[in-house]
PDB file of N, CA and C in Angstrom:
ATOM      1  N   MET A   1     -38.584  57.911  14.712  1.00  0.00           N
ATOM      2  CA  MET A   1     -37.937  57.058  15.676  1.00  0.00           C
ATOM      3  C   MET A   1     -38.388  55.622  15.510  1.00  0.00           C
ATOM      4  N   ASP A   2     -39.741  55.457  15.390  1.00  0.00           N
ATOM      5  CA  ASP A   2     -40.267  54.108  15.210  1.00  0.00           C
ATOM      6  C   ASP A   2     -39.766  53.505  13.903  1.00  0.00           C
ATOM      7  N   ALA A   3     -39.679  54.316  12.853  1.00  0.00           N
ATOM      8  CA  ALA A   3     -39.204  53.838  11.551  1.00  0.00           C
ATOM      9  C   ALA A   3     -37.751  53.400  11.660  1.00  0.00           C
ATOM     10  N   GLU A   4     -36.963  54.183  12.393  1.00  0.00           N
ATOM     11  CA  GLU A   4     -35.538  53.831  12.588  1.00  0.00           C
ATOM     12  C   GLU A   4     -35.415  52.550  13.404  1.00  0.00           C
ATOM     13  N   ALA A   5     -36.232  52.399  14.423  1.00  0.00           N
ATOM     14  CA  ALA A   5     -36.213  51.192  15.263  1.00  0.00           C
ATOM     15  C   ALA A   5     -36.634  49.985  14.433  1.00  0.00           C
ATOM     16  N   GLU A   6     -37.631  50.158  13.581  1.00  0.00           N
ATOM     17  CA  GLU A   6     -38.102  49.060  12.738  1.00  0.00           C
ATOM     18  C   GLU A   6     -37.023  48.665  11.734  1.00  0.00           C
ATOM     19  N   ARG A   7     -36.371  49.655  11.156  1.00  0.00           N
ATOM     20  CA  ARG A   7     -35.291  49.394  10.201  1.00  0.00           C
ATOM     21  C   ARG A   7     -34.138  48.680  10.890  1.00  0.00           C
ATOM     22  N   THR A   8     -33.788  49.120  12.064  1.00  0.00           N
ATOM     23  CA  THR A   8     -32.712  48.493  12.834  1.00  0.00           C
ATOM     24  C   THR A   8     -33.084  47.064  13.216  1.00  0.00           C
ATOM     25  N   SER A   9     -34.350  46.868  13.604  1.00  0.00           N
ATOM     26  CA  SER A   9     -34.823  45.541  13.969  1.00  0.00           C
ATOM     27  C   SER A   9     -34.775  44.600  12.762  1.00  0.00           C
ATOM     28  N   LYS A  10     -35.182  45.112  11.603  1.00  0.00           N
ATOM     29  CA  LYS A  10     -35.162  44.311  10.379  1.00  0.00           C
ATOM     30  C   LYS A  10     -33.738  43.969   9.996  1.00  0.00           C
ATOM     31  N   LEU A  11     -32.831  44.927  10.107  1.00  0.00           N
ATOM     32  CA  LEU A  11     -31.425  44.708   9.805  1.00  0.00           C
ATOM     33  C   LEU A  11     -30.840  43.668  10.758  1.00  0.00           C
ATOM     34  N   LEU A  12     -31.211  43.753  12.026  1.00  0.00           N
ATOM     35  CA  LEU A  12     -30.742  42.783  13.020  1.00  0.00           C
ATOM     36  C   LEU A  12     -31.242  41.380  12.679  1.00  0.00           C
ATOM     37  N   GLU A  13     -32.498  41.287  12.255  1.00  0.00           N
ATOM     38  CA  GLU A  13     -33.043  39.980  11.857  1.00  0.00           C
ATOM     39  C   GLU A  13     -32.294  39.430  10.649  1.00  0.00           C
ATOM     40  N   GLU A  14     -32.000  40.281   9.682  1.00  0.00           N
ATOM     41  CA  GLU A  14     -31.263  39.847   8.493  1.00  0.00           C
ATOM     42  C   GLU A  14     -29.855  39.391   8.863  1.00  0.00           C
ATOM     43  N   LEU A  15     -29.201  40.145   9.726  1.00  0.00           N
ATOM     44  CA  LEU A  15     -27.843  39.777  10.155  1.00  0.00           C
ATOM     45  C   LEU A  15     -27.859  38.475  10.949  1.00  0.00           C
ATOM     46  N   THR A  16     -28.875  38.303  11.776  1.00  0.00           N
ATOM     47  CA  THR A  16     -29.003  37.066  12.560  1.00  0.00           C
ATOM     48  C   THR A  16     -29.225  35.881  11.631  1.00  0.00           C
ATOM     49  N   ALA A  17     -30.083  36.057  10.629  1.00  0.00           N
ATOM     50  CA  ALA A  17     -30.344  34.989   9.658  1.00  0.00           C
ATOM     51  C   ALA A  17     -29.073  34.656   8.873  1.00  0.00           C
ATOM     52  N   ALA A  18     -28.338  35.698   8.471  1.00  0.00           N
ATOM     53  CA  ALA A  18     -27.092  35.494   7.721  1.00  0.00           C
ATOM     54  C   ALA A  18     -26.076  34.761   8.595  1.00  0.00           C
ATOM     55  N   GLU A  19     -26.001  35.157   9.866  1.00  0.00           N
ATOM     56  CA  GLU A  19     -25.069  34.504  10.797  1.00  0.00           C
ATOM     57  C   GLU A  19     -25.438  33.035  10.978  1.00  0.00           C
ATOM     58  N   LEU A  20     -26.727  32.760  11.114  1.00  0.00           N
ATOM     59  CA  LEU A  20     -27.192  31.386  11.260  1.00  0.00           C
ATOM     60  C   LEU A  20     -26.858  30.568  10.010  1.00  0.00           C
ATOM     61  N   GLN A  21     -27.048  31.178   8.846  1.00  0.00           N
ATOM     62  CA  GLN A  21     -26.738  30.492   7.594  1.00  0.00           C
ATOM     63  C   GLN A  21     -25.239  30.191   7.505  1.00  0.00           C
ATOM     64  N   ARG A  22     -24.423  31.169   7.859  1.00  0.00           N
ATOM     65  CA  ARG A  22     -22.968  30.965   7.834  1.00  0.00           C
ATOM     66  C   ARG A  22     -22.554  29.906   8.852  1.00  0.00           C
ATOM     67  N   ALA A  23     -23.175  29.909  10.009  1.00  0.00           N
ATOM     68  CA  ALA A  23     -22.874  28.904  11.026  1.00  0.00           C
ATOM     69  C   ALA A  23     -23.224  27.509  10.523  1.00  0.00           C
ATOM     70  N   THR A  24     -24.344  27.405   9.803  1.00  0.00           N
ATOM     71  CA  THR A  24     -24.749  26.118   9.226  1.00  0.00           C
ATOM     72  C   THR A  24     -23.739  25.661   8.185  1.00  0.00           C
ATOM     73  N   VAL A  25     -23.308  26.584   7.325  1.00  0.00           N
ATOM     74  CA  VAL A  25     -22.312  26.258   6.302  1.00  0.00           C
ATOM     75  C   VAL A  25     -21.012  25.814   6.962  1.00  0.00           C
ATOM     76  N   ILE A  26     -20.589  26.538   7.999  1.00  0.00           N
ATOM     77  CA  ILE A  26     -19.357  26.187   8.708  1.00  0.00           C
ATOM     78  C   ILE A  26     -19.486  24.799   9.324  1.00  0.00           C
ATOM     79  N   GLN A  27     -20.625  24.514   9.914  1.00  0.00           N
ATOM     80  CA  GLN A  27     -20.853  23.204  10.525  1.00  0.00           C
ATOM     81  C   GLN A  27     -20.797  22.102   9.462  1.00  0.00           C
ATOM     82  N   GLN A  28     -21.375  22.365   8.301  1.00  0.00           N
ATOM     83  CA  GLN A  28     -21.327  21.384   7.212  1.00  0.00           C
ATOM     84  C   GLN A  28     -19.885  21.180   6.731  1.00  0.00           C
ATOM     85  N   GLN A  29     -19.146  22.280   6.628  1.00  0.00           N
ATOM     86  CA  GLN A  29     -17.759  22.186   6.181  1.00  0.00           C
ATOM     87  C   GLN A  29     -16.903  21.438   7.212  1.00  0.00           C
ATOM     88  N   GLU A  30     -17.166  21.674   8.484  1.00  0.00           N
ATOM     89  CA  GLU A  30     -16.431  20.953   9.523  1.00  0.00           C
ATOM     90  C   GLU A  30     -16.753  19.462   9.475  1.00  0.00           C
ATOM     91  N   GLY A  31     -18.024  19.138   9.221  1.00  0.00           N
ATOM     92  CA  GLY A  31     -18.416  17.734   9.067  1.00  0.00           C
ATOM     93  C   GLY A  31     -17.717  17.084   7.890  1.00  0.00           C
ATOM     94  N   GLU A  32     -17.652  17.816   6.775  1.00  0.00           N
ATOM     95  CA  GLU A  32     -16.950  17.314   5.587  1.00  0.00           C
ATOM     96  C   GLU A  32     -15.464  17.149   5.867  1.00  0.00           C
ATOM     97  N   GLN A  33     -14.889  18.106   6.598  1.00  0.00           N
ATOM     98  CA  GLN A  33     -13.476  18.005   6.951  1.00  0.00           C
ATOM     99  C   GLN A  33     -13.230  16.780   7.840  1.00  0.00           C
ATOM    100  N   ASP A  34     -14.107  16.537   8.792  1.00  0.00           N
ATOM    101  CA  ASP A  34     -13.979  15.354   9.647  1.00  0.00           C
ATOM    102  C   ASP A  34     -14.065  14.080   8.806  1.00  0.00           C
ATOM    103  N   ARG A  35     -15.006  14.056   7.857  1.00  0.00           N
ATOM    104  CA  ARG A  35     -15.160  12.889   6.985  1.00  0.00           C
ATOM    105  C   ARG A  35     -13.904  12.670   6.145  1.00  0.00           C
ATOM    106  N   LEU A  36     -13.359  13.766   5.613  1.00  0.00           N
ATOM    107  CA  LEU A  36     -12.145  13.662   4.800  1.00  0.00           C
ATOM    108  C   LEU A  36     -10.949  13.238   5.644  1.00  0.00           C
ATOM    109  N   ASN A  37     -10.865  13.757   6.865  1.00  0.00           N
ATOM    110  CA  ASN A  37      -9.775  13.335   7.758  1.00  0.00           C
ATOM    111  C   ASN A  37      -9.870  11.850   8.068  1.00  0.00           C
ATOM    112  N   GLN A  38     -11.079  11.357   8.277  1.00  0.00           N
ATOM    113  CA  GLN A  38     -11.280   9.926   8.531  1.00  0.00           C
ATOM    114  C   GLN A  38     -10.871   9.112   7.308  1.00  0.00           C
ATOM    115  N   ARG A  39     -11.228   9.607   6.122  1.00  0.00           N
ATOM    116  CA  ARG A  39     -10.859   8.893   4.889  1.00  0.00           C
ATOM    117  C   ARG A  39      -9.345   8.881   4.704  1.00  0.00           C
ATOM    118  N   ILE A  40      -8.699   9.994   5.032  1.00  0.00           N
ATOM    119  CA  ILE A  40      -7.239  10.059   4.953  1.00  0.00           C
ATOM    120  C   ILE A  40      -6.619   9.034   5.898  1.00  0.00           C
ATOM    121  N   TYR A  41      -7.157   8.950   7.104  1.00  0.00           N
ATOM    122  CA  TYR A  41      -6.663   7.975   8.079  1.00  0.00           C
ATOM    123  C   TYR A  41      -6.830   6.553   7.535  1.00  0.00           C
ATOM    124  N   GLU A  42      -7.992   6.259   6.948  1.00  0.00           N
ATOM    125  CA  GLU A  42      -8.242   4.927   6.384  1.00  0.00           C
ATOM    126  C   GLU A  42      -7.278   4.630   5.237  1.00  0.00           C
ATOM    127  N   LEU A  43      -7.057   5.627   4.373  1.00  0.00           N
ATOM    128  CA  LEU A  43      -6.151   5.425   3.239  1.00  0.00           C
ATOM    129  C   LEU A  43      -4.712   5.248   3.713  1.00  0.00           C
ATOM    130  N   ASP A  44      -4.312   6.001   4.738  1.00  0.00           N
ATOM    131  CA  ASP A  44      -2.968   5.825   5.304  1.00  0.00           C
ATOM    132  C   ASP A  44      -2.792   4.409   5.844  1.00  0.00           C
ATOM    133  N   ALA A  45      -3.807   3.916   6.540  1.00  0.00           N
ATOM    134  CA  ALA A  45      -3.751   2.553   7.076  1.00  0.00           C
ATOM    135  C   ALA A  45      -3.665   1.542   5.944  1.00  0.00           C
ATOM    136  N   GLU A  46      -4.427   1.781   4.879  1.00  0.00           N
ATOM    137  CA  GLU A  46      -4.404   0.882   3.725  1.00  0.00           C
ATOM    138  C   GLU A  46      -3.039   0.917   3.039  1.00  0.00           C
ATOM    139  N   ILE A  47      -2.464   2.100   2.932  1.00  0.00           N
ATOM    140  CA  ILE A  47      -1.131   2.235   2.329  1.00  0.00           C
ATOM    141  C   ILE A  47      -0.101   1.470   3.162  1.00  0.00           C
ATOM    142  N   ARG A  48      -0.169   1.627   4.492  1.00  0.00           N
ATOM    143  CA  ARG A  48       0.772   0.909   5.361  1.00  0.00           C
ATOM    144  C   ARG A  48       0.610  -0.601   5.209  1.00  0.00           C
ATOM    145  N   GLN A  49      -0.636  -1.059   5.142  1.00  0.00           N
ATOM    146  CA  GLN A  49      -0.894  -2.494   4.983  1.00  0.00           C
ATOM    147  C   GLN A  49      -0.357  -2.984   3.636  1.00  0.00           C
ATOM    148  N   ASN A  50      -0.616  -2.225   2.580  1.00  0.00           N
ATOM    149  CA  ASN A  50      -0.113  -2.602   1.256  1.00  0.00           C
ATOM    150  C   ASN A  50       1.413  -2.587   1.215  1.00  0.00           C
ATOM    151  N   GLN A  51       2.024  -1.638   1.916  1.00  0.00           N
ATOM    152  CA  GLN A  51       3.489  -1.580   1.965  1.00  0.00           C
ATOM    153  C   GLN A  51       4.040  -2.807   2.676  1.00  0.00           C
ATOM    154  N   ASN A  52       3.364  -3.231   3.747  1.00  0.00           N
ATOM    155  CA  ASN A  52       3.786  -4.443   4.448  1.00  0.00           C
ATOM    156  C   ASN A  52       3.684  -5.665   3.538  1.00  0.00           C
ATOM    157  N   VAL A  53       2.580  -5.763   2.801  1.00  0.00           N
ATOM    158  CA  VAL A  53       2.409  -6.881   1.863  1.00  0.00           C
ATOM    159  C   VAL A  53       3.493  -6.824   0.789  1.00  0.00           C
ATOM    160  N   LEU A  54       3.770  -5.625   0.279  1.00  0.00           N
ATOM    161  CA  LEU A  54       4.804  -5.459  -0.739  1.00  0.00           C
ATOM    162  C   LEU A  54       6.168  -5.869  -0.198  1.00  0.00           C
ATOM    163  N   ASN A  55       6.472  -5.459   1.032  1.00  0.00           N
ATOM    164  CA  ASN A  55       7.754  -5.825   1.632  1.00  0.00           C
ATOM    165  C   ASN A  55       7.878  -7.331   1.801  1.00  0.00           C
ATOM    166  N   LEU A  56       6.803  -7.974   2.262  1.00  0.00           N
ATOM    167  CA  LEU A  56       6.824  -9.424   2.429  1.00  0.00           C
ATOM    168  C   LEU A  56       6.956 -10.124   1.079  1.00  0.00           C
ATOM    169  N   THR A  57       6.269  -9.602   0.066  1.00  0.00           N
ATOM    170  CA  THR A  57       6.350 -10.184  -1.271  1.00  0.00           C
ATOM    171  C   THR A  57       7.758 -10.035  -1.838  1.00  0.00           C
ATOM    172  N   ALA A  58       8.361  -8.879  -1.642  1.00  0.00           N
ATOM    173  CA  ALA A  58       9.733  -8.658  -2.117  1.00  0.00           C
ATOM    174  C   ALA A  58      10.703  -9.599  -1.402  1.00  0.00           C
ATOM    175  N   LEU A  59      10.500  -9.793  -0.111  1.00  0.00           N
ATOM    176  CA  LEU A  59      11.351 -10.702   0.658  1.00  0.00           C
ATOM    177  C   LEU A  59      11.194 -12.128   0.138  1.00  0.00           C
ATOM    178  N   GLU A  60       9.956 -12.543  -0.097  1.00  0.00           N
ATOM    179  CA  GLU A  60       9.709 -13.896  -0.620  1.00  0.00           C
ATOM    180  C   GLU A  60      10.301 -14.060  -2.021  1.00  0.00           C
ATOM    181  N   ALA A  61      10.193 -13.028  -2.850  1.00  0.00           N
ATOM    182  CA  ALA A  61      10.774 -13.080  -4.192  1.00  0.00           C
ATOM    183  C   ALA A  61      12.292 -13.210  -4.100  1.00  0.00           C
ATOM    184  N   ASP A  62      12.901 -12.491  -3.185  1.00  0.00           N
ATOM    185  CA  ASP A  62      14.354 -12.568  -2.991  1.00  0.00           C
ATOM    186  C   ASP A  62      14.753 -13.970  -2.542  1.00  0.00           C
ATOM    187  N   ARG A  63      13.996 -14.530  -1.612  1.00  0.00           N
ATOM    188  CA  ARG A  63      14.279 -15.897  -1.154  1.00  0.00           C
ATOM    189  C   ARG A  63      14.120 -16.889  -2.298  1.00  0.00           C
ATOM    190  N   SER A  64      13.083 -16.698  -3.108  1.00  0.00           N
ATOM    191  CA  SER A  64      12.859 -17.598  -4.244  1.00  0.00           C
ATOM    192  C   SER A  64      14.002 -17.492  -5.249  1.00  0.00           C
ATOM    193  N   GLU A  65      14.460 -16.277  -5.512  1.00  0.00           N
ATOM    194  CA  GLU A  65      15.591 -16.099  -6.430  1.00  0.00           C
ATOM    195  C   GLU A  65      16.838 -16.781  -5.888  1.00  0.00           C
ATOM    196  N   ASN A  66      17.060 -16.693  -4.580  1.00  0.00           N
ATOM    197  CA  ASN A  66      18.206 -17.366  -3.972  1.00  0.00           C
ATOM    198  C   ASN A  66      18.078 -18.881  -4.097  1.00  0.00           C
ATOM    199  N   ARG A  67      16.850 -19.406  -3.888  1.00  0.00           N
ATOM    200  CA  ARG A  67      16.633 -20.849  -4.034  1.00  0.00           C
ATOM    201  C   ARG A  67      16.862 -21.287  -5.480  1.00  0.00           C
ATOM    202  N   ILE A  68      16.391 -20.473  -6.424  1.00  0.00           N
ATOM    203  CA  ILE A  68      16.582 -20.799  -7.847  1.00  0.00           C
ATOM    204  C   ILE A  68      18.079 -20.836  -8.170  1.00  0.00           C
ATOM    205  N   ALA A  69      18.812 -19.835  -7.708  1.00  0.00           N
ATOM    206  CA  ALA A  69      20.258 -19.794  -7.967  1.00  0.00           C
ATOM    207  C   ALA A  69      20.947 -21.004  -7.339  1.00  0.00           C
ATOM    208  N   PHE A  70      20.559 -21.341  -6.115  1.00  0.00           N
ATOM    209  CA  PHE A  70      21.149 -22.504  -5.448  1.00  0.00           C
ATOM    210  C   PHE A  70      20.820 -23.783  -6.216  1.00  0.00           C
ATOM    211  N   ASN A  71      19.543 -23.921  -6.635  1.00  0.00           N
ATOM    212  CA  ASN A  71      19.135 -25.125  -7.366  1.00  0.00           C
ATOM    213  C   ASN A  71      19.845 -25.235  -8.718  1.00  0.00           C
ATOM    214  N   ARG A  72      20.061 -24.123  -9.387  1.00  0.00           N
ATOM    215  CA  ARG A  72      20.798 -24.150 -10.660  1.00  0.00           C
ATOM    216  C   ARG A  72      22.245 -24.584 -10.435  1.00  0.00           C
ATOM    217  N   GLN A  73      22.834 -24.046  -9.368  1.00  0.00           N
ATOM    218  CA  GLN A  73      24.207 -24.412  -9.042  1.00  0.00           C
ATOM    219  C   GLN A  73      24.289 -25.904  -8.705  1.00  0.00           C
ATOM    220  N   ARG A  74      23.340 -26.360  -7.917  1.00  0.00           N
ATOM    221  CA  ARG A  74      23.307 -27.770  -7.525  1.00  0.00           C
ATOM    222  C   ARG A  74      23.080 -28.655  -8.754  1.00  0.00           C
ATOM    223  N   ALA A  75      22.180 -28.227  -9.646  1.00  0.00           N
ATOM    224  CA  ALA A  75      21.922 -28.995 -10.865  1.00  0.00           C
ATOM    225  C   ALA A  75      23.181 -29.077 -11.731  1.00  0.00           C
ATOM    226  N   ALA A  76      23.927 -27.987 -11.819  1.00  0.00           N
ATOM    227  CA  ALA A  76      25.173 -27.982 -12.597  1.00  0.00           C
ATOM    228  C   ALA A  76      26.186 -28.925 -11.955  1.00  0.00           C
ATOM    229  N   GLU A  77      26.278 -28.907 -10.630  1.00  0.00           N
ATOM    230  CA  GLU A  77      27.195 -29.818  -9.931  1.00  0.00           C
ATOM    231  C   GLU A  77      26.817 -31.270 -10.195  1.00  0.00           C
ATOM    232  N   LEU A  78      25.506 -31.563 -10.100  1.00  0.00           N
ATOM    233  CA  LEU A  78      25.042 -32.937 -10.322  1.00  0.00           C
ATOM    234  C   LEU A  78      25.268 -33.369 -11.771  1.00  0.00           C
ATOM    235  N   ALA A  79      25.062 -32.439 -12.708  1.00  0.00           N
ATOM    236  CA  ALA A  79      25.312 -32.760 -14.116  1.00  0.00           C
ATOM    237  C   ALA A  79      26.797 -33.051 -14.324  1.00  0.00           C
ATOM    238  N   GLY A  80      27.651 -32.280 -13.666  1.00  0.00           N
ATOM    239  CA  GLY A  80      29.092 -32.517 -13.753  1.00  0.00           C
ATOM    240  C   GLY A  80      29.462 -33.876 -13.171  1.00  0.00           C
ATOM    241  N   ARG A  81      28.877 -34.209 -12.039  1.00  0.00           N
ATOM    242  CA  ARG A  81      29.146 -35.517 -11.413  1.00  0.00           C
ATOM    243  C   ARG A  81      28.624 -36.639 -12.289  1.00  0.00           C
ATOM    244  N   HIS A  82      27.458 -36.415 -12.894  1.00  0.00           N
ATOM    245  CA  HIS A  82      26.886 -37.422 -13.786  1.00  0.00           C
ATOM    246  C   HIS A  82      27.822 -37.672 -14.966  1.00  0.00           C
ATOM    247  N   ALA A  83      28.334 -36.579 -15.550  1.00  0.00           N
ATOM    248  CA  ALA A  83      29.265 -36.721 -16.674  1.00  0.00           C
ATOM    249  C   ALA A  83      30.529 -37.438 -16.223  1.00  0.00           C
ATOM    250  N   GLN A  84      31.014 -37.108 -15.041  1.00  0.00           N
ATOM    251  CA  GLN A  84      32.220 -37.750 -14.511  1.00  0.00           C
ATOM    252  C   GLN A  84      31.967 -39.248 -14.284  1.00  0.00           C
ATOM    253  N   VAL A  85      30.823 -39.606 -13.748  1.00  0.00           N
ATOM    254  CA  VAL A  85      30.481 -41.016 -13.528  1.00  0.00           C
ATOM    255  C   VAL A  85      30.391 -41.746 -14.869  1.00  0.00           C
ATOM    256  N   ASP A  86      29.799 -41.092 -15.884  1.00  0.00           N
ATOM    257  CA  ASP A  86      29.724 -41.705 -17.216  1.00  0.00           C
ATOM    258  C   ASP A  86      31.117 -41.991 -17.770  1.00  0.00           C
ATOM    259  N   VAL A  87      32.040 -41.027 -17.588  1.00  0.00           N
ATOM    260  CA  VAL A  87      33.419 -41.214 -18.057  1.00  0.00           C
ATOM    261  C   VAL A  87      34.063 -42.377 -17.313  1.00  0.00           C
ATOM    262  N   GLU A  88      33.919 -42.382 -15.986  1.00  0.00           N
ATOM    263  CA  GLU A  88      34.524 -43.447 -15.193  1.00  0.00           C
ATOM    264  C   GLU A  88      33.916 -44.803 -15.552  1.00  0.00           C
ATOM    265  N   LEU A  89      32.629 -44.845 -15.793  1.00  0.00           N
ATOM    266  CA  LEU A  89      31.959 -46.080 -16.179  1.00  0.00           C
ATOM    267  C   LEU A  89      32.464 -46.554 -17.530  1.00  0.00           C
ATOM    268  N   GLY A  90      32.645 -45.621 -18.443  1.00  0.00           N
ATOM    269  CA  GLY A  90      33.193 -45.982 -19.765  1.00  0.00           C
ATOM    270  C   GLY A  90      34.595 -46.509 -19.650  1.00  0.00           C
ATOM    271  N   GLN A  91      35.394 -45.889 -18.804  1.00  0.00           N
ATOM    272  CA  GLN A  91      36.774 -46.360 -18.613  1.00  0.00           C
ATOM    273  C   GLN A  91      36.775 -47.746 -17.965  1.00  0.00           C
ATOM    274  N   ALA A  92      35.905 -47.941 -17.012  1.00  0.00           N
ATOM    275  CA  ALA A  92      35.834 -49.233 -16.335  1.00  0.00           C
ATOM    276  C   ALA A  92      35.410 -50.327 -17.308  1.00  0.00           C
ATOM    277  N   ASN A  93      34.474 -50.007 -18.189  1.00  0.00           N
ATOM    278  CA  ASN A  93      34.007 -50.989 -19.178  1.00  0.00           C
ATOM    279  C   ASN A  93      35.121 -51.335 -20.160  1.00  0.00           C
ATOM    280  N   ARG A  94      35.895 -50.354 -20.570  1.00  0.00           N
ATOM    281  CA  ARG A  94      37.008 -50.598 -21.495  1.00  0.00           C
ATOM    282  C   ARG A  94      38.113 -51.383 -20.821  1.00  0.00           C
ATOM    283  N   ALA A  95      38.348 -51.111 -19.550  1.00  0.00           N
ATOM    284  CA  ALA A  95      39.405 -51.823 -18.818  1.00  0.00           C
ATOM    285  C   ALA A  95      39.011 -53.260 -18.545  1.00  0.00           C
ATOM    286  N   GLY A  96      37.725 -53.495 -18.427  1.00  0.00           N
ATOM    287  CA  GLY A  96      37.244 -54.824 -18.109  1.00  0.00           C
ATOM    288  C   GLY A  96      37.191 -55.738 -19.319  1.00  0.00           C
ATOM    289  N   ARG A  97      37.386 -55.235 -20.487  1.00  0.00           N
ATOM    290  CA  ARG A  97      37.292 -56.062 -21.691  1.00  0.00           C
ATOM    291  C   ARG A  97      38.539 -56.796 -21.953  1.00  0.00           C
TER     292      ARG A  97
END
């Protein structure tokens, strides 16, 4: 009887130790999961911030392209007017002779 009680007591101690070890592992894993969840949250925030910067950059690039197109059109108009003024000036000089 005493031998059986001692064996049962030893088995109970082993099971308790194993349970404590598993509880420690679970606690460590939960801590790691919390850390990873926090990192995911930080990365999501960083992604959102980078997306906002990308959107603003794309908008600015689009505006710049529109300004470039407008300036090219304006430059072509001015070049045309310049050529027209040169022609008119040449005609005026010939008429004045």
